[in-house]
Amino acid sequence: MASAAERRRAGATRPQGRVAPARQCAYTVIRRVSEQGAYADRAFHAEASSLEPRDRALAMQLAYGTVQRKRTLDDILERLSGRPPERLDAPLLAALRLGLFQLAWLDGVAAHAAVDDSVELAKQHANRGHGLVNAVLRRAARSRPELLAGYHDDDPHSAAIMHSVPDWLAELWWRELGPETARELLRTVNQPPESAVRVNTLKAPEALALPVPAHAVPELPEARVVEAPFDLFGSRLWQQGLVMPQSRGSIAVARSLGPKAGERVLDVCAAPGAKTTHLAALIANRGEVVAVEVHPGRARALSDVVDRMGASCVRVLEADARRLPPELGSFDAVLVDPPCSGLGTLQSRPDLRWQQRRGEIASLAAKQLQLLAAAAAFVRPGGRLVYSVCTISRAEGAGLVARWLAETPDFRLEHERQLLPSRERTDGFYIARLARAG
């Protein structure tokens, strides 16, 4: 892939405005994800920083949509070109996917703009083959209304192609949730995620006014669902620590633990800090939150978040949560929010579905079980524990908790809940609240 300097030199020798800025940005993000294994959200924020708001919104739609719909796009591409996508050079494949996504899913985009810009991108970044891009996309433009005809989700394999996920994921949800719920969930994971923020009550009142339309959530008084595009990270609200971008599902986790002022709270696997600082807000900085993070860089970033949010009761501890020192003592409340497959966050993390593999859930569950057992040892008699994962997988959620409880008689399940994006319209979370015998 061309370096940033090479892209600037290429831009200097071509006519200004030949490729729309949003498509240029999206193309770069798509290639970084597919060729370098970059995270789509991080690549996008790096590449889109100089775009105007309207171009930025379009670039995100193009980049995220193309990455999400990769499997369906490749199926269309092979049908139109007669070539397996994996045999195409990377710059051509990215241009074809970008063009096809616009033609198949974005009715408001003019076909000539989608085709011409994709061909121009192929010319700029590939040594040859832009003629193939031109031929395939013009063929697609002529048959635009029929591009998605014939796809169905009657069975897991067909659903995986139609909704662009790996077969194993469609099979998992089909088996664990049933066909109807699985179909609804698969239809949802390609839709834009709900945008929500948490008002930081350590620095601002719950009634803090946002500069864009937003509505409150009765059961989560510190939550606001944002109803218009909002550059949060460029706003004073973010810089001053007044709000935290956080889904309603994530906000519900700390609420489930129910920490009280004066209590000692343990948060294992605490980075990046949204739940940690929420715990601090719920106890109004009166008490102690010990936030554990094993990775040095993430621990430093967590400390920065804690400082910006004014969470003075938080102590960041760089340590492996599976081997915490007994000297920490006991805690009234413990939150275990371990690394997971993230299958509840596919709307906001478009590349994640392609990173996970069928066998990785079992290895993740083994580590999650270790973390749960280790953290539970620090719950005082009569105390409580919340185990949460932002995924939709029985092996990491209800199945894991049931397995652990069968071997841990001094804990009991008070309640558990599986949030689904297709039902609750927020990130998919499994949340279990457990109580230790007094």
Protein backbone atom coordinates (compact mmCIF):
# COMPACT_ATOMS: atom_id res chain seq x y z
CA MET A 1 0.00 0.00 0.00
CA ALA A 2 1.20 3.51 -0.76
CA SER A 3 2.64 5.53 2.10
CA ALA A 4 1.15 8.86 3.17
CA ALA A 5 3.96 10.66 1.33
CA GLU A 6 3.28 8.68 -1.83
CA ARG A 7 -0.42 9.51 -1.61
CA ARG A 8 0.39 13.21 -1.27
CA ARG A 9 2.70 13.06 -4.31
CA ALA A 10 0.00 11.26 -6.31
CA GLY A 11 -2.52 13.92 -5.32
CA ALA A 12 -0.17 16.67 -6.46
CA THR A 13 0.05 15.29 -10.01
CA ARG A 14 -3.65 14.62 -10.64
CA PRO A 15 -6.38 17.18 -11.26
CA GLN A 16 -7.86 18.59 -8.08
CA GLY A 17 -11.17 17.02 -7.09
CA ARG A 18 -10.83 14.03 -9.40
CA VAL A 19 -11.86 11.74 -6.54
CA ALA A 20 -14.28 12.96 -3.91
CA PRO A 21 -12.53 13.36 -0.53
CA ALA A 22 -14.98 11.00 1.19
CA ARG A 23 -14.25 8.21 -1.29
CA GLN A 24 -10.51 8.80 -1.14
CA CYS A 25 -10.64 8.51 2.64
CA ALA A 26 -12.88 5.44 2.60
CA TYR A 27 -10.65 3.71 0.06
CA THR A 28 -7.59 4.27 2.25
CA VAL A 29 -9.37 2.92 5.31
CA ILE A 30 -10.63 -0.14 3.43
CA ARG A 31 -7.11 -0.95 2.28
CA ARG A 32 -5.59 -0.45 5.71
CA VAL A 33 -8.13 -2.86 7.17
CA SER A 34 -7.83 -5.52 4.48
CA GLU A 35 -4.07 -5.34 3.86
CA GLN A 36 -2.61 -4.28 7.20
CA GLY A 37 -5.14 -5.72 9.64
CA ALA A 38 -5.88 -2.24 10.99
CA TYR A 39 -8.91 -1.60 13.17
CA ALA A 40 -11.49 0.19 11.05
CA ASP A 41 -12.42 2.76 13.68
CA ARG A 42 -8.80 3.70 14.42
CA ALA A 43 -7.89 3.84 10.74
CA PHE A 44 -10.91 6.00 10.03
CA HIS A 45 -10.20 8.51 12.79
CA ALA A 46 -6.62 8.83 11.56
CA GLU A 47 -7.58 9.33 7.92
CA ALA A 48 -10.72 11.46 8.35
CA SER A 49 -9.38 14.09 10.73
CA SER A 50 -9.18 16.82 8.07
CA LEU A 51 -12.54 16.17 6.39
CA GLU A 52 -15.50 18.49 6.56
CA PRO A 53 -18.42 17.10 8.64
CA ARG A 54 -20.51 16.10 5.61
CA ASP A 55 -17.58 14.37 3.89
CA ARG A 56 -16.63 12.72 7.17
CA ALA A 57 -20.12 11.26 7.59
CA LEU A 58 -20.13 9.92 4.02
CA ALA A 59 -16.60 8.53 4.36
CA MET A 60 -17.60 6.63 7.50
CA GLN A 61 -20.67 5.22 5.80
CA LEU A 62 -18.61 4.10 2.81
CA ALA A 63 -15.68 2.67 4.77
CA TYR A 64 -17.65 0.89 7.46
CA GLY A 65 -20.31 -0.35 5.06
CA THR A 66 -17.76 -1.76 2.62
CA VAL A 67 -15.85 -3.55 5.39
CA GLN A 68 -19.05 -4.93 6.91
CA ARG A 69 -20.51 -6.12 3.62
CA LYS A 70 -17.29 -7.68 2.32
CA ARG A 71 -18.65 -11.20 1.96
CA THR A 72 -21.76 -10.18 0.04
CA LEU A 73 -19.73 -7.78 -2.10
CA ASP A 74 -17.28 -10.52 -3.01
CA ASP A 75 -20.16 -12.82 -3.95
CA ILE A 76 -21.58 -10.13 -6.26
CA LEU A 77 -18.12 -9.42 -7.64
CA GLU A 78 -17.44 -13.05 -8.51
CA ARG A 79 -20.84 -13.31 -10.18
CA LEU A 80 -20.22 -10.23 -12.33
CA SER A 81 -16.56 -10.81 -13.16
CA GLY A 82 -16.25 -14.58 -13.17
CA ARG A 83 -13.09 -14.24 -11.06
CA PRO A 84 -12.50 -15.25 -7.42
CA PRO A 85 -11.88 -12.02 -5.48
CA GLU A 86 -8.77 -13.43 -3.81
CA ARG A 87 -7.04 -13.55 -7.21
CA LEU A 88 -7.37 -9.79 -7.72
CA ASP A 89 -4.66 -7.33 -6.72
CA ALA A 90 -5.47 -5.57 -3.45
CA PRO A 91 -5.84 -2.03 -4.91
CA LEU A 92 -8.30 -3.27 -7.52
CA LEU A 93 -10.28 -5.35 -5.05
CA ALA A 94 -10.67 -2.37 -2.70
CA ALA A 95 -11.87 -0.13 -5.55
CA LEU A 96 -14.35 -2.78 -6.72
CA ARG A 97 -15.74 -3.37 -3.24
CA LEU A 98 -16.12 0.37 -2.64
CA GLY A 99 -17.91 0.91 -5.94
CA LEU A 100 -20.18 -2.11 -5.57
CA PHE A 101 -21.19 -1.12 -2.05
CA GLN A 102 -22.45 2.23 -3.30
CA LEU A 103 -24.30 0.72 -6.23
CA ALA A 104 -25.93 -2.04 -4.17
CA TRP A 105 -26.82 -0.22 -0.94
CA LEU A 106 -26.71 3.55 -1.39
CA ASP A 107 -29.62 4.58 -3.60
CA GLY A 108 -28.84 8.26 -3.04
CA VAL A 109 -25.39 7.99 -4.66
CA ALA A 110 -25.26 8.63 -8.41
CA ALA A 111 -24.03 5.57 -10.29
CA HIS A 112 -21.62 7.59 -12.46
CA ALA A 113 -19.95 9.09 -9.37
CA ALA A 114 -19.50 5.71 -7.72
CA VAL A 115 -18.10 4.18 -10.91
CA ASP A 116 -15.86 7.05 -12.04
CA ASP A 117 -14.24 7.61 -8.64
CA SER A 118 -13.62 3.88 -8.13
CA VAL A 119 -11.99 3.60 -11.54
CA GLU A 120 -9.84 6.65 -10.83
CA LEU A 121 -8.73 5.15 -7.51
CA ALA A 122 -7.75 1.96 -9.32
CA LYS A 123 -5.73 3.99 -11.85
CA GLN A 124 -3.89 5.83 -9.10
CA HIS A 125 -3.04 2.84 -6.92
CA ALA A 126 -2.72 -0.17 -9.23
CA ASN A 127 -0.21 -0.74 -12.01
CA ARG A 128 -2.87 -2.22 -14.23
CA GLY A 129 -6.40 -3.56 -14.16
CA HIS A 130 -8.46 -0.41 -13.94
CA GLY A 131 -10.22 -1.56 -17.13
CA LEU A 132 -11.61 -4.52 -15.21
CA VAL A 133 -12.88 -2.18 -12.49
CA ASN A 134 -14.56 -0.04 -15.13
CA ALA A 135 -16.18 -3.01 -16.89
CA VAL A 136 -17.46 -4.70 -13.73
CA LEU A 137 -18.86 -1.53 -12.17
CA ARG A 138 -20.57 -0.40 -15.36
CA ARG A 139 -22.14 -3.82 -15.64
CA ALA A 140 -23.25 -3.49 -12.02
CA ALA A 141 -24.66 0.00 -12.66
CA ARG A 142 -26.76 -1.30 -15.56
CA SER A 143 -28.23 -4.05 -13.35
CA ARG A 144 -28.34 -1.98 -10.16
CA PRO A 145 -31.89 -2.93 -9.07
CA GLU A 146 -31.07 -6.65 -9.40
CA LEU A 147 -27.71 -6.71 -7.59
CA LEU A 148 -29.20 -8.00 -4.33
CA ALA A 149 -31.97 -10.07 -5.90
CA GLY A 150 -31.91 -13.76 -5.06
CA TYR A 151 -30.31 -13.49 -1.64
CA HIS A 152 -32.23 -15.00 1.28
CA ASP A 153 -31.69 -15.97 4.90
CA ASP A 154 -33.69 -19.20 5.11
CA ASP A 155 -30.72 -21.17 6.43
CA PRO A 156 -27.44 -20.27 8.21
CA HIS A 157 -25.18 -20.48 5.14
CA SER A 158 -27.46 -18.36 2.96
CA ALA A 159 -27.96 -15.91 5.82
CA ALA A 160 -24.18 -15.61 6.28
CA ILE A 161 -23.77 -14.60 2.62
CA MET A 162 -26.78 -12.26 2.58
CA HIS A 163 -25.83 -10.49 5.83
CA SER A 164 -22.07 -10.77 5.33
CA VAL A 165 -20.79 -12.73 8.31
CA PRO A 166 -18.71 -15.92 8.62
CA ASP A 167 -20.68 -19.17 8.43
CA TRP A 168 -19.71 -20.13 11.99
CA LEU A 169 -21.29 -16.96 13.40
CA ALA A 170 -24.62 -17.48 11.63
CA GLU A 171 -24.59 -21.11 12.76
CA LEU A 172 -23.85 -20.09 16.38
CA TRP A 173 -26.74 -17.63 16.60
CA TRP A 174 -29.06 -20.00 14.73
CA ARG A 175 -28.32 -22.72 17.27
CA GLU A 176 -28.35 -20.60 20.45
CA LEU A 177 -31.05 -18.03 19.66
CA GLY A 178 -33.28 -19.81 17.18
CA PRO A 179 -33.75 -18.97 13.47
CA GLU A 180 -36.14 -16.02 13.88
CA THR A 181 -34.06 -14.17 16.49
CA ALA A 182 -30.85 -14.99 14.60
CA ARG A 183 -32.25 -13.49 11.40
CA GLU A 184 -33.32 -10.32 13.20
CA LEU A 185 -29.89 -10.01 14.79
CA LEU A 186 -28.06 -10.60 11.50
CA ARG A 187 -30.18 -7.92 9.83
CA THR A 188 -29.31 -5.49 12.61
CA VAL A 189 -25.53 -5.90 12.74
CA ASN A 190 -25.04 -3.99 9.47
CA GLN A 191 -27.16 -1.01 10.54
CA PRO A 192 -25.57 2.13 12.04
CA PRO A 193 -25.26 1.81 15.82
CA GLU A 194 -27.16 3.98 18.23
CA SER A 195 -25.08 6.95 19.38
CA ALA A 196 -25.13 7.45 23.14
CA VAL A 197 -23.12 9.28 25.78
CA ARG A 198 -22.96 9.20 29.55
CA VAL A 199 -23.08 12.48 31.39
CA ASN A 200 -20.24 12.55 33.94
CA THR A 201 -22.06 13.49 37.15
CA LEU A 202 -18.72 14.07 38.89
CA LYS A 203 -18.40 17.24 36.82
CA ALA A 204 -21.82 18.01 35.38
CA PRO A 205 -25.48 17.69 36.36
CA GLU A 206 -27.52 14.84 34.90
CA ALA A 207 -29.53 17.49 33.05
CA LEU A 208 -26.45 18.72 31.13
CA ALA A 209 -27.56 20.17 27.79
CA LEU A 210 -25.87 18.74 24.70
CA PRO A 211 -25.26 20.88 21.59
CA VAL A 212 -27.29 18.44 19.44
CA PRO A 213 -30.75 16.91 19.84
CA ALA A 214 -30.72 14.02 22.31
CA HIS A 215 -33.21 12.21 24.50
CA ALA A 216 -32.94 10.90 28.04
CA VAL A 217 -33.29 7.27 29.11
CA PRO A 218 -35.56 6.88 32.15
CA GLU A 219 -33.89 3.77 33.56
CA LEU A 220 -30.40 5.24 33.01
CA PRO A 221 -30.60 8.88 34.15
CA GLU A 222 -27.00 9.67 33.15
CA ALA A 223 -27.49 8.38 29.58
CA ARG A 224 -28.34 10.47 26.52
CA VAL A 225 -29.15 9.02 23.10
CA VAL A 226 -27.82 11.43 20.49
CA GLU A 227 -30.13 12.04 17.54
CA ALA A 228 -27.81 13.97 15.18
CA PRO A 229 -24.18 13.78 14.04
CA PHE A 230 -21.90 15.00 16.80
CA ASP A 231 -18.10 15.32 16.78
CA LEU A 232 -17.77 14.40 20.44
CA PHE A 233 -13.98 14.09 20.47
CA GLY A 234 -13.62 17.60 19.07
CA SER A 235 -15.99 19.13 21.59
CA ARG A 236 -15.30 20.89 24.87
CA LEU A 237 -17.62 18.38 26.56
CA TRP A 238 -15.09 15.63 25.87
CA GLN A 239 -12.03 17.73 26.52
CA GLN A 240 -13.37 18.85 29.90
CA GLY A 241 -14.50 15.37 30.91
CA LEU A 242 -18.19 16.24 31.02
CA VAL A 243 -19.35 13.30 28.90
CA MET A 244 -18.16 9.82 27.96
CA PRO A 245 -19.14 8.05 24.72
CA GLN A 246 -20.78 4.90 26.01
CA SER A 247 -23.61 2.69 24.82
CA ARG A 248 -26.70 2.13 26.93
CA GLY A 249 -25.66 -1.50 27.24
CA SER A 250 -22.30 -0.52 28.68
CA ILE A 251 -23.87 2.03 31.04
CA ALA A 252 -26.18 -0.69 32.38
CA VAL A 253 -23.20 -2.73 33.59
CA ALA A 254 -22.05 -0.43 36.41
CA ARG A 255 -25.68 0.27 37.27
CA SER A 256 -26.19 -3.49 37.74
CA LEU A 257 -23.37 -3.61 40.28
CA GLY A 258 -25.04 -0.80 42.24
CA PRO A 259 -22.02 0.61 44.12
CA LYS A 260 -22.76 2.87 47.07
CA ALA A 261 -20.90 5.83 48.55
CA GLY A 262 -18.24 4.70 51.00
CA GLU A 263 -17.80 1.24 49.48
CA ARG A 264 -14.64 -0.39 48.15
CA VAL A 265 -15.07 -1.43 44.52
CA LEU A 266 -12.76 -3.59 42.41
CA ASP A 267 -12.82 -3.29 38.61
CA VAL A 268 -10.70 -5.88 36.85
CA CYS A 269 -9.74 -5.51 33.16
CA ALA A 270 -10.60 -1.84 33.60
CA ALA A 271 -9.25 -0.12 30.46
CA PRO A 272 -10.30 1.95 28.57
CA GLY A 273 -12.14 3.34 31.58
CA ALA A 274 -15.77 4.06 30.69
CA LYS A 275 -17.13 1.66 33.31
CA THR A 276 -14.40 2.55 35.83
CA THR A 277 -15.26 6.24 35.77
CA HIS A 278 -18.97 5.40 35.85
CA LEU A 279 -18.39 3.42 39.06
CA ALA A 280 -16.61 6.45 40.51
CA ALA A 281 -19.54 8.67 39.55
CA LEU A 282 -22.06 6.30 41.12
CA ILE A 283 -20.25 6.52 44.47
CA ALA A 284 -19.69 10.29 43.97
CA ASN A 285 -15.94 9.84 44.62
CA ARG A 286 -16.79 8.79 48.20
CA GLY A 287 -15.10 5.44 48.65
CA GLU A 288 -12.45 3.65 46.60
CA VAL A 289 -12.33 2.10 43.15
CA VAL A 290 -9.30 -0.08 42.39
CA ALA A 291 -8.99 -0.36 38.61
CA VAL A 292 -6.79 -3.22 37.39
CA GLU A 293 -5.19 -3.28 33.94
CA VAL A 294 -2.40 -5.64 32.89
CA HIS A 295 -1.05 -3.81 29.82
CA PRO A 296 1.25 -0.87 30.67
CA GLY A 297 0.15 1.32 27.74
CA ARG A 298 -3.53 0.73 28.45
CA ALA A 299 -2.94 1.38 32.15
CA ARG A 300 -1.40 4.76 31.33
CA ALA A 301 -4.29 5.61 29.01
CA LEU A 302 -6.71 4.54 31.75
CA SER A 303 -5.01 6.93 34.20
CA ASP A 304 -5.43 9.75 31.68
CA VAL A 305 -9.16 9.01 31.34
CA VAL A 306 -9.55 8.87 35.12
CA ASP A 307 -7.86 12.27 35.45
CA ARG A 308 -9.91 13.90 32.69
CA MET A 309 -13.17 12.60 34.17
CA GLY A 310 -12.28 13.80 37.67
CA ALA A 311 -12.54 10.31 39.19
CA SER A 312 -10.31 11.04 42.18
CA CYS A 313 -11.40 7.92 44.09
CA VAL A 314 -9.88 5.62 41.44
CA ARG A 315 -6.52 3.95 41.97
CA VAL A 316 -5.08 2.37 38.82
CA LEU A 317 -3.19 -0.86 39.49
CA GLU A 318 -1.04 -2.33 36.74
CA ALA A 319 -1.31 -6.06 37.37
CA ASP A 320 -2.63 -9.37 36.05
CA ALA A 321 -6.12 -9.71 37.50
CA ARG A 322 -5.67 -13.48 37.72
CA ARG A 323 -2.81 -13.03 40.21
CA LEU A 324 -3.75 -10.10 42.45
CA PRO A 325 -1.97 -9.75 45.79
CA PRO A 326 -4.00 -10.79 48.84
CA GLU A 327 -2.94 -7.51 50.47
CA LEU A 328 -5.62 -5.76 48.40
CA GLY A 329 -8.13 -6.97 50.96
CA SER A 330 -11.83 -7.54 50.39
CA PHE A 331 -14.31 -5.44 48.42
CA ASP A 332 -17.99 -4.68 48.74
CA ALA A 333 -18.51 -4.88 44.99
CA VAL A 334 -16.45 -6.39 42.16
CA LEU A 335 -16.85 -5.90 38.41
CA VAL A 336 -15.46 -8.51 36.03
CA ASP A 337 -15.66 -7.25 32.45
CA PRO A 338 -13.04 -9.42 30.68
CA PRO A 339 -11.84 -9.42 27.07
CA CYS A 340 -14.37 -11.25 24.91
CA SER A 341 -15.28 -11.96 21.31
CA GLY A 342 -17.14 -8.64 21.08
CA LEU A 343 -19.99 -10.09 19.03
CA GLY A 344 -22.38 -7.60 20.57
CA THR A 345 -20.48 -4.66 19.07
CA LEU A 346 -20.43 -5.57 15.36
CA GLN A 347 -22.37 -2.43 14.39
CA SER A 348 -19.69 -0.08 15.72
CA ARG A 349 -16.71 -2.36 14.99
CA PRO A 350 -17.21 -3.33 11.34
CA ASP A 351 -14.01 -5.35 10.96
CA LEU A 352 -14.46 -7.46 14.11
CA ARG A 353 -16.57 -10.15 12.44
CA TRP A 354 -13.62 -10.97 10.18
CA GLN A 355 -11.07 -11.09 13.03
CA GLN A 356 -12.74 -13.72 15.20
CA ARG A 357 -12.54 -17.41 14.39
CA ARG A 358 -14.78 -20.34 15.33
CA GLY A 359 -12.31 -21.86 17.80
CA GLU A 360 -11.34 -18.64 19.56
CA ILE A 361 -14.48 -18.42 21.71
CA ALA A 362 -13.46 -21.52 23.67
CA SER A 363 -10.01 -20.10 24.47
CA LEU A 364 -11.54 -16.75 25.44
CA ALA A 365 -14.03 -18.49 27.73
CA ALA A 366 -11.19 -20.32 29.50
CA LYS A 367 -9.49 -17.00 30.32
CA GLN A 368 -12.79 -15.41 31.33
CA LEU A 369 -13.41 -18.24 33.77
CA GLN A 370 -9.97 -17.74 35.31
CA LEU A 371 -10.60 -14.02 35.73
CA LEU A 372 -14.03 -14.58 37.25
CA ALA A 373 -12.70 -17.10 39.78
CA ALA A 374 -9.73 -14.91 40.72
CA ALA A 375 -11.81 -11.74 41.16
CA ALA A 376 -14.54 -13.51 43.14
CA ALA A 377 -12.01 -14.33 45.85
CA PHE A 378 -11.90 -10.60 46.71
CA VAL A 379 -15.65 -10.23 47.27
CA ARG A 380 -16.36 -9.86 50.98
CA PRO A 381 -18.97 -12.11 52.60
CA GLY A 382 -22.34 -10.58 51.75
CA GLY A 383 -20.81 -8.63 48.88
CA ARG A 384 -21.75 -8.71 45.22
CA LEU A 385 -20.14 -9.32 41.85
CA VAL A 386 -21.15 -8.45 38.30
CA TYR A 387 -19.81 -10.44 35.37
CA SER A 388 -20.35 -8.83 31.98
CA VAL A 389 -19.19 -9.37 28.41
CA CYS A 390 -20.09 -7.36 25.29
CA THR A 391 -20.92 -10.44 23.29
CA ILE A 392 -23.70 -12.80 22.26
CA SER A 393 -22.30 -16.24 22.94
CA ARG A 394 -23.51 -18.74 25.55
CA ALA A 395 -19.98 -20.09 26.07
CA GLU A 396 -18.85 -16.63 27.25
CA GLY A 397 -22.09 -15.68 29.01
CA ALA A 398 -24.85 -17.72 30.62
CA GLY A 399 -23.09 -21.03 30.04
CA LEU A 400 -19.89 -19.83 31.67
CA VAL A 401 -21.67 -18.41 34.72
CA ALA A 402 -23.74 -21.57 35.19
CA ARG A 403 -20.59 -23.67 34.98
CA TRP A 404 -18.80 -21.50 37.54
CA LEU A 405 -21.73 -21.42 39.97
CA ALA A 406 -21.92 -25.21 39.92
CA GLU A 407 -18.41 -25.26 41.39
CA THR A 408 -18.76 -22.20 43.67
CA PRO A 409 -21.47 -22.86 46.28
CA ASP A 410 -20.97 -19.64 48.28
CA PHE A 411 -22.23 -17.51 45.35
CA ARG A 412 -25.73 -17.35 43.94
CA LEU A 413 -27.16 -15.75 40.82
CA GLU A 414 -29.42 -12.79 41.59
CA HIS A 415 -30.29 -11.98 37.98
CA GLU A 416 -28.89 -12.23 34.49
CA ARG A 417 -29.73 -10.50 31.23
CA GLN A 418 -28.72 -10.84 27.58
CA LEU A 419 -29.08 -7.61 25.64
CA LEU A 420 -29.49 -7.93 21.86
CA PRO A 421 -28.95 -5.06 19.38
CA SER A 422 -32.00 -6.25 17.45
CA ARG A 423 -34.20 -6.06 20.55
CA GLU A 424 -32.78 -3.41 22.90
CA ARG A 425 -31.22 -1.29 20.09
CA THR A 426 -27.90 -1.01 21.91
CA ASP A 427 -24.72 -3.07 22.15
CA GLY A 428 -25.21 -6.75 22.90
CA PHE A 429 -24.18 -7.45 26.50
CA TYR A 430 -24.51 -10.40 28.83
CA ILE A 431 -24.76 -9.11 32.42
CA ALA A 432 -24.98 -11.35 35.50
CA ARG A 433 -25.21 -10.11 39.08
CA LEU A 434 -24.00 -12.56 41.72
CA ALA A 435 -24.10 -12.39 45.52
CA ARG A 436 -21.73 -14.00 48.00
CA ALA A 437 -23.16 -15.64 51.11
CA GLY A 438 -22.77 -13.56 54.29
